[in-house]
N, C-alpha and C. Protein backbone atom coordinates (compact mmCIF):
# COMPACT_ATOMS: atom_id res chain seq x y z
N UNK A 1 0.84 -1.18 0.00
CA UNK A 1 0.00 0.00 0.00
C UNK A 1 0.88 1.24 0.00
N UNK A 2 0.84 2.03 -1.05
CA UNK A 2 1.64 3.24 -1.13
C UNK A 2 0.78 4.48 -1.10
N UNK A 3 -0.52 4.33 -0.85
CA UNK A 3 -1.39 5.48 -0.90
C UNK A 3 -1.15 6.42 0.27
N UNK A 4 -1.60 7.66 0.06
CA UNK A 4 -1.44 8.68 1.08
C UNK A 4 -2.52 8.54 2.14
N UNK A 5 -2.20 8.90 3.36
CA UNK A 5 -3.25 8.99 4.38
C UNK A 5 -4.22 10.12 3.99
N UNK A 6 -5.39 10.09 4.54
CA UNK A 6 -6.38 11.11 4.24
C UNK A 6 -6.13 12.37 5.08
N UNK A 7 -5.77 12.20 6.34
CA UNK A 7 -5.60 13.33 7.25
C UNK A 7 -4.48 13.01 8.23
N UNK A 8 -4.15 13.99 9.05
CA UNK A 8 -3.19 13.75 10.12
C UNK A 8 -3.74 12.67 11.04
N UNK A 9 -2.88 11.77 11.54
CA UNK A 9 -3.38 10.75 12.48
C UNK A 9 -3.95 11.41 13.74
N UNK A 10 -5.03 10.86 14.22
CA UNK A 10 -5.61 11.31 15.48
C UNK A 10 -4.70 10.79 16.59
N UNK A 11 -4.15 11.68 17.43
CA UNK A 11 -3.27 11.21 18.51
C UNK A 11 -3.89 10.12 19.37
N UNK A 12 -5.19 10.09 19.48
CA UNK A 12 -5.85 9.04 20.27
C UNK A 12 -5.70 7.67 19.63
N UNK A 13 -5.44 7.63 18.32
CA UNK A 13 -5.29 6.35 17.60
C UNK A 13 -3.85 5.86 17.55
N UNK A 14 -2.92 6.66 18.05
CA UNK A 14 -1.49 6.34 17.95
C UNK A 14 -1.05 5.60 19.21
N UNK A 15 -0.57 4.35 19.07
CA UNK A 15 -0.07 3.62 20.24
C UNK A 15 1.09 4.37 20.90
N UNK A 16 1.13 4.33 22.21
CA UNK A 16 2.14 5.08 22.97
C UNK A 16 3.18 4.14 23.58
N UNK A 17 4.41 4.63 23.60
CA UNK A 17 5.50 3.93 24.27
C UNK A 17 5.66 4.49 25.67
N UNK A 18 6.34 3.75 26.51
CA UNK A 18 6.68 4.22 27.85
C UNK A 18 7.86 5.18 27.72
N UNK A 19 7.65 6.44 28.09
CA UNK A 19 8.71 7.44 28.03
C UNK A 19 9.08 7.94 29.43
N UNK A 20 8.70 7.18 30.45
CA UNK A 20 8.83 7.64 31.83
C UNK A 20 10.19 7.34 32.48
N UNK A 21 11.03 6.50 31.84
CA UNK A 21 12.29 6.11 32.48
C UNK A 21 13.46 6.33 31.53
N UNK A 22 13.96 7.56 31.43
CA UNK A 22 15.03 7.86 30.48
C UNK A 22 16.43 7.41 30.89
N UNK A 23 16.62 7.05 32.16
CA UNK A 23 17.95 6.64 32.60
C UNK A 23 18.38 5.36 31.89
N UNK A 24 19.68 5.23 31.68
CA UNK A 24 20.24 4.04 31.03
C UNK A 24 20.93 3.21 32.10
N UNK A 25 20.49 1.98 32.25
CA UNK A 25 21.08 1.09 33.24
C UNK A 25 22.06 0.13 32.56
N UNK A 26 22.83 -0.57 33.36
CA UNK A 26 23.72 -1.60 32.80
C UNK A 26 22.90 -2.67 32.09
N UNK A 27 21.74 -3.01 32.66
CA UNK A 27 20.86 -3.99 32.01
C UNK A 27 20.39 -3.47 30.64
N UNK A 28 20.07 -2.17 30.56
CA UNK A 28 19.69 -1.58 29.28
C UNK A 28 20.83 -1.71 28.26
N UNK A 29 22.04 -1.46 28.71
CA UNK A 29 23.20 -1.57 27.80
C UNK A 29 23.36 -3.01 27.29
N UNK A 30 23.10 -3.99 28.16
CA UNK A 30 23.15 -5.39 27.73
C UNK A 30 22.05 -5.69 26.70
N UNK A 31 20.86 -5.18 26.95
CA UNK A 31 19.75 -5.38 26.00
C UNK A 31 20.07 -4.70 24.68
N UNK A 32 20.60 -3.50 24.72
CA UNK A 32 20.96 -2.78 23.49
C UNK A 32 22.00 -3.55 22.69
N UNK A 33 22.98 -4.12 23.37
CA UNK A 33 24.00 -4.92 22.68
C UNK A 33 23.33 -6.12 21.99
N UNK A 34 22.40 -6.74 22.67
CA UNK A 34 21.66 -7.87 22.10
C UNK A 34 20.82 -7.41 20.90
N UNK A 35 20.12 -6.29 21.04
CA UNK A 35 19.26 -5.79 19.97
C UNK A 35 20.06 -5.41 18.73
N UNK A 36 21.19 -4.74 18.94
CA UNK A 36 21.97 -4.19 17.83
C UNK A 36 23.04 -5.15 17.29
N UNK A 37 23.40 -6.13 18.11
CA UNK A 37 24.49 -7.03 17.72
C UNK A 37 25.86 -6.40 17.89
N UNK A 38 25.92 -5.32 18.63
CA UNK A 38 27.15 -4.58 18.90
C UNK A 38 26.87 -3.63 20.07
N UNK A 39 27.91 -3.08 20.68
CA UNK A 39 27.65 -2.10 21.74
C UNK A 39 26.99 -0.85 21.15
N UNK A 40 26.06 -0.30 21.87
CA UNK A 40 25.42 0.95 21.45
C UNK A 40 26.41 2.10 21.63
N UNK A 41 26.41 3.03 20.69
CA UNK A 41 27.35 4.15 20.75
C UNK A 41 26.61 5.45 21.06
N UNK A 42 27.21 6.28 21.88
CA UNK A 42 26.71 7.62 22.13
C UNK A 42 25.40 7.70 22.90
N UNK A 43 24.99 6.65 23.54
CA UNK A 43 23.70 6.64 24.24
C UNK A 43 23.75 7.53 25.48
N UNK A 44 22.78 8.45 25.55
CA UNK A 44 22.67 9.32 26.72
C UNK A 44 21.36 9.10 27.46
N UNK A 45 20.46 8.30 26.89
CA UNK A 45 19.19 8.04 27.54
C UNK A 45 18.36 7.04 26.76
N UNK A 46 17.35 6.52 27.41
CA UNK A 46 16.37 5.67 26.74
C UNK A 46 15.16 6.56 26.51
N UNK A 47 14.88 6.85 25.25
CA UNK A 47 13.80 7.79 24.91
C UNK A 47 12.43 7.13 24.90
N UNK A 48 12.38 5.82 24.67
CA UNK A 48 11.12 5.09 24.67
C UNK A 48 11.38 3.63 24.99
N UNK A 49 10.44 3.04 25.71
CA UNK A 49 10.55 1.64 26.11
C UNK A 49 9.28 0.89 25.71
N UNK A 50 9.46 -0.39 25.50
CA UNK A 50 8.34 -1.31 25.31
C UNK A 50 7.57 -1.36 26.64
N UNK A 51 6.36 -1.82 26.60
CA UNK A 51 5.57 -1.95 27.82
C UNK A 51 6.27 -2.85 28.85
N UNK A 52 7.12 -3.77 28.38
CA UNK A 52 7.84 -4.66 29.30
C UNK A 52 9.10 -3.99 29.89
N UNK A 53 9.44 -2.79 29.40
CA UNK A 53 10.57 -2.06 29.95
C UNK A 53 11.84 -2.08 29.12
N UNK A 54 11.90 -2.90 28.06
CA UNK A 54 13.10 -2.95 27.23
C UNK A 54 13.18 -1.71 26.35
N UNK A 55 14.40 -1.24 26.07
CA UNK A 55 14.53 -0.06 25.20
C UNK A 55 13.96 -0.31 23.80
N UNK A 56 13.27 0.71 23.27
CA UNK A 56 12.80 0.73 21.89
C UNK A 56 13.57 1.79 21.10
N UNK A 57 13.85 2.90 21.77
CA UNK A 57 14.52 4.04 21.14
C UNK A 57 15.51 4.60 22.15
N UNK A 58 16.74 4.84 21.70
CA UNK A 58 17.70 5.49 22.57
C UNK A 58 17.94 6.92 22.09
N UNK A 59 18.28 7.76 23.02
CA UNK A 59 18.66 9.13 22.71
C UNK A 59 20.18 9.15 22.65
N UNK A 60 20.71 9.69 21.56
CA UNK A 60 22.15 9.65 21.36
C UNK A 60 22.75 11.04 21.28
N UNK A 61 24.00 11.09 21.63
CA UNK A 61 24.77 12.33 21.56
C UNK A 61 24.95 12.73 20.10
N UNK A 62 24.95 14.03 19.81
CA UNK A 62 25.16 14.45 18.43
C UNK A 62 26.62 14.30 17.96
N UNK A 63 27.50 13.97 18.88
CA UNK A 63 28.88 13.67 18.51
C UNK A 63 29.30 12.42 19.27
N UNK A 64 29.73 11.41 18.53
CA UNK A 64 30.13 10.14 19.15
C UNK A 64 31.50 10.28 19.80
N UNK A 65 31.86 9.30 20.62
CA UNK A 65 33.13 9.33 21.34
C UNK A 65 34.34 9.43 20.42
N UNK A 66 34.23 8.91 19.18
CA UNK A 66 35.34 8.99 18.25
C UNK A 66 35.41 10.33 17.51
N UNK A 67 34.48 11.25 17.85
CA UNK A 67 34.46 12.57 17.24
C UNK A 67 33.53 12.70 16.05
N UNK A 68 32.96 11.60 15.59
CA UNK A 68 32.06 11.64 14.43
C UNK A 68 30.76 12.34 14.77
N UNK A 69 30.27 13.20 13.87
CA UNK A 69 28.95 13.77 14.08
C UNK A 69 27.90 12.68 13.89
N UNK A 70 26.83 12.73 14.68
CA UNK A 70 25.78 11.71 14.61
C UNK A 70 24.43 12.41 14.67
N UNK A 71 23.77 12.61 13.52
CA UNK A 71 22.53 13.38 13.51
C UNK A 71 21.31 12.65 14.06
N UNK A 72 21.37 11.32 14.20
CA UNK A 72 20.20 10.55 14.62
C UNK A 72 20.07 10.59 16.14
N UNK A 73 19.39 11.61 16.63
CA UNK A 73 19.19 11.77 18.06
C UNK A 73 18.36 10.64 18.64
N UNK A 74 17.36 10.20 17.90
CA UNK A 74 16.48 9.11 18.36
C UNK A 74 16.72 7.90 17.48
N UNK A 75 17.40 6.91 18.04
CA UNK A 75 17.81 5.73 17.29
C UNK A 75 16.93 4.55 17.67
N UNK A 76 16.20 4.03 16.70
CA UNK A 76 15.29 2.92 16.91
C UNK A 76 16.09 1.64 17.13
N UNK A 77 15.84 0.94 18.24
CA UNK A 77 16.61 -0.27 18.56
C UNK A 77 15.76 -1.53 18.69
N UNK A 78 14.48 -1.40 19.00
CA UNK A 78 13.62 -2.56 19.20
C UNK A 78 13.50 -3.38 17.92
N UNK A 79 13.93 -4.64 17.94
CA UNK A 79 13.93 -5.45 16.72
C UNK A 79 12.57 -5.53 16.02
N UNK A 80 11.50 -5.64 16.77
CA UNK A 80 10.18 -5.75 16.17
C UNK A 80 9.78 -4.43 15.51
N UNK A 81 10.13 -3.31 16.12
CA UNK A 81 9.85 -2.00 15.54
C UNK A 81 10.70 -1.79 14.28
N UNK A 82 11.97 -2.17 14.35
CA UNK A 82 12.86 -2.07 13.18
C UNK A 82 12.30 -2.90 12.04
N UNK A 83 11.88 -4.12 12.34
CA UNK A 83 11.33 -5.00 11.31
C UNK A 83 10.05 -4.41 10.71
N UNK A 84 9.21 -3.83 11.53
CA UNK A 84 7.98 -3.21 11.03
C UNK A 84 8.27 -2.06 10.09
N UNK A 85 9.20 -1.18 10.49
CA UNK A 85 9.57 -0.05 9.61
C UNK A 85 10.19 -0.57 8.32
N UNK A 86 11.01 -1.60 8.42
CA UNK A 86 11.64 -2.18 7.22
C UNK A 86 10.60 -2.74 6.27
N UNK A 87 9.59 -3.41 6.81
CA UNK A 87 8.53 -3.97 5.98
C UNK A 87 7.77 -2.86 5.24
N UNK A 88 7.45 -1.79 5.95
CA UNK A 88 6.76 -0.67 5.30
C UNK A 88 7.63 -0.06 4.20
N UNK A 89 8.91 0.10 4.47
CA UNK A 89 9.82 0.63 3.45
C UNK A 89 9.88 -0.30 2.24
N UNK A 90 9.96 -1.60 2.50
CA UNK A 90 10.09 -2.58 1.41
C UNK A 90 8.84 -2.64 0.53
N UNK A 91 7.70 -2.24 1.08
CA UNK A 91 6.47 -2.26 0.29
C UNK A 91 6.20 -0.91 -0.38
N UNK A 92 7.18 -0.02 -0.36
CA UNK A 92 7.10 1.23 -1.12
C UNK A 92 6.25 2.32 -0.50
N UNK A 93 6.01 2.25 0.78
CA UNK A 93 5.12 3.22 1.40
C UNK A 93 5.70 4.62 1.53
N UNK A 94 6.99 4.76 1.37
CA UNK A 94 7.61 6.08 1.49
C UNK A 94 7.18 6.99 0.35
N UNK A 95 6.84 6.44 -0.81
CA UNK A 95 6.43 7.25 -1.95
C UNK A 95 5.16 8.03 -1.61
N UNK A 96 4.12 7.34 -1.17
CA UNK A 96 2.87 8.00 -0.81
C UNK A 96 3.03 8.93 0.38
N UNK A 97 3.87 8.54 1.33
CA UNK A 97 4.10 9.40 2.49
C UNK A 97 4.83 10.68 2.10
N UNK A 98 5.77 10.59 1.16
CA UNK A 98 6.47 11.79 0.69
C UNK A 98 5.48 12.74 0.00
N UNK A 99 4.58 12.20 -0.80
CA UNK A 99 3.55 13.04 -1.42
C UNK A 99 2.67 13.68 -0.35
N UNK A 100 2.33 12.90 0.67
CA UNK A 100 1.48 13.38 1.76
C UNK A 100 2.11 14.55 2.51
N UNK A 101 3.43 14.47 2.78
CA UNK A 101 4.07 15.54 3.55
C UNK A 101 4.22 16.83 2.75
N UNK A 102 3.85 16.81 1.51
CA UNK A 102 3.88 18.02 0.69
C UNK A 102 2.52 18.71 0.64
N UNK A 103 1.55 18.15 1.35
CA UNK A 103 0.21 18.75 1.40
C UNK A 103 0.00 19.42 2.76
N UNK A 104 -0.86 20.41 2.79
CA UNK A 104 -1.21 21.05 4.06
C UNK A 104 -2.43 20.35 4.65
N UNK A 105 -2.53 20.23 5.94
CA UNK A 105 -1.69 20.80 6.99
C UNK A 105 -0.49 19.93 7.37
N UNK A 106 -0.28 18.84 6.64
CA UNK A 106 0.78 17.90 6.98
C UNK A 106 2.16 18.56 6.85
N UNK A 107 2.36 19.33 5.79
CA UNK A 107 3.66 19.98 5.58
C UNK A 107 4.04 20.86 6.77
N UNK A 108 3.08 21.61 7.27
CA UNK A 108 3.37 22.47 8.42
C UNK A 108 3.70 21.64 9.66
N UNK A 109 2.95 20.56 9.87
CA UNK A 109 3.21 19.68 11.02
C UNK A 109 4.57 19.02 10.91
N UNK A 110 4.94 18.64 9.70
CA UNK A 110 6.24 17.99 9.47
C UNK A 110 7.39 18.97 9.69
N UNK A 111 7.20 20.22 9.29
CA UNK A 111 8.21 21.25 9.57
C UNK A 111 8.36 21.45 11.09
N UNK A 112 7.24 21.45 11.80
CA UNK A 112 7.31 21.58 13.26
C UNK A 112 8.03 20.38 13.88
N UNK A 113 7.80 19.19 13.34
CA UNK A 113 8.50 17.99 13.83
C UNK A 113 10.01 18.14 13.63
N UNK A 114 10.40 18.64 12.47
CA UNK A 114 11.81 18.89 12.16
C UNK A 114 12.41 19.84 13.19
N UNK A 115 11.72 20.95 13.47
CA UNK A 115 12.22 21.93 14.44
C UNK A 115 12.27 21.35 15.85
N UNK A 116 11.29 20.53 16.20
CA UNK A 116 11.29 19.88 17.52
C UNK A 116 12.49 18.94 17.65
N UNK A 117 12.77 18.21 16.58
CA UNK A 117 13.92 17.30 16.57
C UNK A 117 15.21 18.07 16.78
N UNK A 118 15.37 19.17 16.03
CA UNK A 118 16.58 19.99 16.16
C UNK A 118 16.71 20.55 17.57
N UNK A 119 15.60 20.99 18.16
CA UNK A 119 15.63 21.52 19.52
C UNK A 119 16.02 20.45 20.53
N UNK A 120 15.50 19.24 20.35
CA UNK A 120 15.87 18.14 21.25
C UNK A 120 17.36 17.85 21.16
N UNK A 121 17.89 17.83 19.93
CA UNK A 121 19.32 17.56 19.76
C UNK A 121 20.16 18.69 20.35
N UNK A 122 19.72 19.93 20.19
CA UNK A 122 20.47 21.08 20.72
C UNK A 122 20.64 21.00 22.23
N UNK A 123 19.69 20.36 22.91
CA UNK A 123 19.83 20.17 24.36
C UNK A 123 21.07 19.35 24.70
N UNK A 124 21.52 18.54 23.75
CA UNK A 124 22.67 17.66 23.97
C UNK A 124 23.97 18.27 23.46
N UNK A 125 23.89 19.38 22.74
CA UNK A 125 25.07 20.04 22.21
C UNK A 125 24.90 20.39 20.75
N UNK A 126 25.67 21.36 20.32
CA UNK A 126 25.64 21.80 18.93
C UNK A 126 26.83 21.19 18.19
N UNK A 127 26.57 20.67 17.01
CA UNK A 127 27.61 20.09 16.17
C UNK A 127 27.48 20.74 14.80
N UNK A 128 28.46 21.56 14.46
CA UNK A 128 28.40 22.37 13.24
C UNK A 128 28.14 21.54 11.98
N UNK A 129 28.76 20.37 11.89
CA UNK A 129 28.64 19.56 10.67
C UNK A 129 27.21 19.11 10.38
N UNK A 130 26.36 19.05 11.40
CA UNK A 130 24.99 18.57 11.19
C UNK A 130 23.96 19.65 11.53
N UNK A 131 24.40 20.89 11.62
CA UNK A 131 23.48 21.99 11.92
C UNK A 131 22.35 22.03 10.89
N UNK A 132 21.14 22.11 11.37
CA UNK A 132 19.97 22.21 10.49
C UNK A 132 19.49 20.89 9.90
N UNK A 133 20.22 19.81 10.14
CA UNK A 133 19.84 18.49 9.63
C UNK A 133 19.17 17.72 10.75
N UNK A 134 17.97 17.24 10.51
CA UNK A 134 17.30 16.43 11.53
C UNK A 134 17.44 14.97 11.13
N UNK A 135 16.35 14.31 10.78
CA UNK A 135 16.44 12.88 10.47
C UNK A 135 15.26 12.46 9.59
N UNK A 136 15.44 11.37 8.91
CA UNK A 136 14.34 10.75 8.18
C UNK A 136 13.84 11.49 6.96
N UNK A 137 14.57 12.54 6.54
CA UNK A 137 14.15 13.33 5.39
C UNK A 137 13.41 14.60 5.75
N UNK A 138 13.15 14.81 7.05
CA UNK A 138 12.46 16.03 7.45
C UNK A 138 13.27 17.23 7.01
N UNK A 139 12.67 18.31 6.62
CA UNK A 139 11.24 18.64 6.70
C UNK A 139 10.47 18.49 5.38
N UNK A 140 11.08 17.96 4.32
CA UNK A 140 10.39 18.01 3.03
C UNK A 140 10.13 16.66 2.37
N UNK A 141 10.73 15.59 2.88
CA UNK A 141 10.53 14.29 2.24
C UNK A 141 10.58 13.19 3.30
N UNK A 142 10.28 11.98 2.87
CA UNK A 142 10.33 10.82 3.76
C UNK A 142 11.44 9.93 3.26
N UNK A 143 12.51 9.84 4.04
CA UNK A 143 13.70 9.09 3.64
C UNK A 143 13.90 7.82 4.45
N UNK A 144 13.59 7.86 5.75
CA UNK A 144 13.86 6.72 6.62
C UNK A 144 12.76 6.58 7.66
N UNK A 145 11.92 5.56 7.48
CA UNK A 145 10.83 5.34 8.43
C UNK A 145 11.33 4.96 9.81
N UNK A 146 12.50 4.33 9.88
CA UNK A 146 13.07 3.96 11.18
C UNK A 146 13.31 5.21 12.03
N UNK A 147 13.92 6.23 11.44
CA UNK A 147 14.21 7.47 12.16
C UNK A 147 12.93 8.20 12.55
N UNK A 148 11.95 8.21 11.66
CA UNK A 148 10.70 8.91 11.93
C UNK A 148 9.87 8.18 12.98
N UNK A 149 9.89 6.85 12.94
CA UNK A 149 9.22 6.06 13.96
C UNK A 149 9.91 6.27 15.31
N UNK A 150 11.24 6.27 15.33
CA UNK A 150 11.97 6.53 16.57
C UNK A 150 11.60 7.87 17.18
N UNK A 151 11.51 8.90 16.32
CA UNK A 151 11.14 10.22 16.82
C UNK A 151 9.72 10.21 17.39
N UNK A 152 8.79 9.58 16.69
CA UNK A 152 7.41 9.54 17.17
C UNK A 152 7.30 8.80 18.51
N UNK A 153 8.00 7.70 18.64
CA UNK A 153 7.98 6.95 19.90
C UNK A 153 8.57 7.77 21.04
N UNK A 154 9.65 8.51 20.75
CA UNK A 154 10.32 9.31 21.77
C UNK A 154 9.53 10.55 22.15
N UNK A 155 8.93 11.21 21.16
CA UNK A 155 8.25 12.48 21.39
C UNK A 155 6.81 12.31 21.84
N UNK A 156 6.18 11.20 21.47
CA UNK A 156 4.78 10.98 21.79
C UNK A 156 3.87 11.44 20.65
N UNK A 157 2.62 11.01 20.69
CA UNK A 157 1.68 11.32 19.61
C UNK A 157 1.50 12.82 19.40
N UNK A 158 1.30 13.18 18.12
CA UNK A 158 1.02 14.56 17.78
C UNK A 158 2.23 15.40 17.44
N UNK A 159 3.44 14.85 17.53
CA UNK A 159 4.65 15.62 17.24
C UNK A 159 5.13 15.35 15.81
N UNK A 160 5.27 14.09 15.43
CA UNK A 160 5.78 13.75 14.10
C UNK A 160 4.67 13.02 13.33
N UNK A 161 4.05 13.69 12.35
CA UNK A 161 2.91 13.07 11.66
C UNK A 161 3.26 11.79 10.91
N UNK A 162 4.45 11.73 10.32
CA UNK A 162 4.82 10.51 9.59
C UNK A 162 5.10 9.38 10.57
N UNK A 163 5.82 9.65 11.63
CA UNK A 163 6.06 8.63 12.64
C UNK A 163 4.76 8.13 13.25
N UNK A 164 3.82 9.06 13.50
CA UNK A 164 2.51 8.65 14.01
C UNK A 164 1.78 7.77 12.99
N UNK A 165 1.86 8.13 11.72
CA UNK A 165 1.20 7.33 10.68
C UNK A 165 1.83 5.94 10.60
N UNK A 166 3.14 5.85 10.76
CA UNK A 166 3.80 4.54 10.77
C UNK A 166 3.27 3.71 11.94
N UNK A 167 3.14 4.32 13.10
CA UNK A 167 2.59 3.59 14.26
C UNK A 167 1.17 3.12 14.00
N UNK A 168 0.37 3.94 13.35
CA UNK A 168 -1.00 3.53 13.02
C UNK A 168 -0.97 2.35 12.05
N UNK A 169 -0.10 2.42 11.04
CA UNK A 169 -0.02 1.35 10.04
C UNK A 169 0.50 0.05 10.63
N UNK A 170 1.32 0.14 11.66
CA UNK A 170 1.90 -1.06 12.27
C UNK A 170 1.07 -1.63 13.41
N UNK A 171 0.08 -0.91 13.88
CA UNK A 171 -0.57 -1.28 15.15
C UNK A 171 -1.21 -2.66 15.17
N UNK A 172 -1.54 -3.23 14.01
CA UNK A 172 -2.12 -4.57 14.00
C UNK A 172 -1.06 -5.67 14.06
N UNK A 173 0.20 -5.32 13.76
CA UNK A 173 1.28 -6.31 13.77
C UNK A 173 2.33 -6.04 14.84
N UNK A 174 2.52 -4.78 15.19
CA UNK A 174 3.45 -4.40 16.26
C UNK A 174 3.00 -3.09 16.86
N UNK A 175 3.16 -3.00 18.17
CA UNK A 175 2.86 -1.76 18.86
C UNK A 175 3.65 -1.73 20.18
N UNK A 176 4.03 -0.54 20.62
CA UNK A 176 4.88 -0.44 21.82
C UNK A 176 4.16 -0.74 23.12
N UNK A 177 2.84 -0.74 23.10
CA UNK A 177 2.09 -0.99 24.32
C UNK A 177 1.60 -2.44 24.42
N UNK A 178 2.17 -3.31 23.57
CA UNK A 178 1.89 -4.75 23.63
C UNK A 178 3.22 -5.47 23.44
N UNK A 179 3.68 -6.14 24.45
CA UNK A 179 5.01 -6.75 24.41
C UNK A 179 5.08 -7.88 23.39
N UNK A 180 6.13 -7.84 22.57
CA UNK A 180 6.44 -8.93 21.64
C UNK A 180 7.91 -9.33 21.77
N UNK A 181 8.54 -8.89 22.84
CA UNK A 181 9.96 -9.17 23.06
C UNK A 181 10.19 -10.66 23.31
């Protein structure tokens, strides 16, 4: 299905992740290593958790320990969420979503999501090499559903319209408020 949504997702229809425990524990680091198949880099917090408490999205520093700039402030780690975003990408849904973000009021909401993302990253520090760059193709196109889903899970419903739409499209197969870990 590559068609465009009709309207902005109703925040009441968007499944919510647990955003109440941003601290990163040693157990979280072990889970992240398992999820990613490598140690997580630049993690400064857990931005969203599955209902069972496992990390779904981590908040990362805009500059990694090796000095590399890292624009992906919200990095999707939950394997089921990653698989869901990958499936949507593989079925060509980014085409219709890119057309959708060029219509109003979606375009305005997507620009606000871009600015919110930049503001969240600025809290962690400014990195000249990635100034003005957010994630996922914001503010004018849809490039990476993983990044947009991560932002939506971290920010909550009503902030990122594409991430919210991804959550709506995935809710019958995966959702953060129903454990599949």
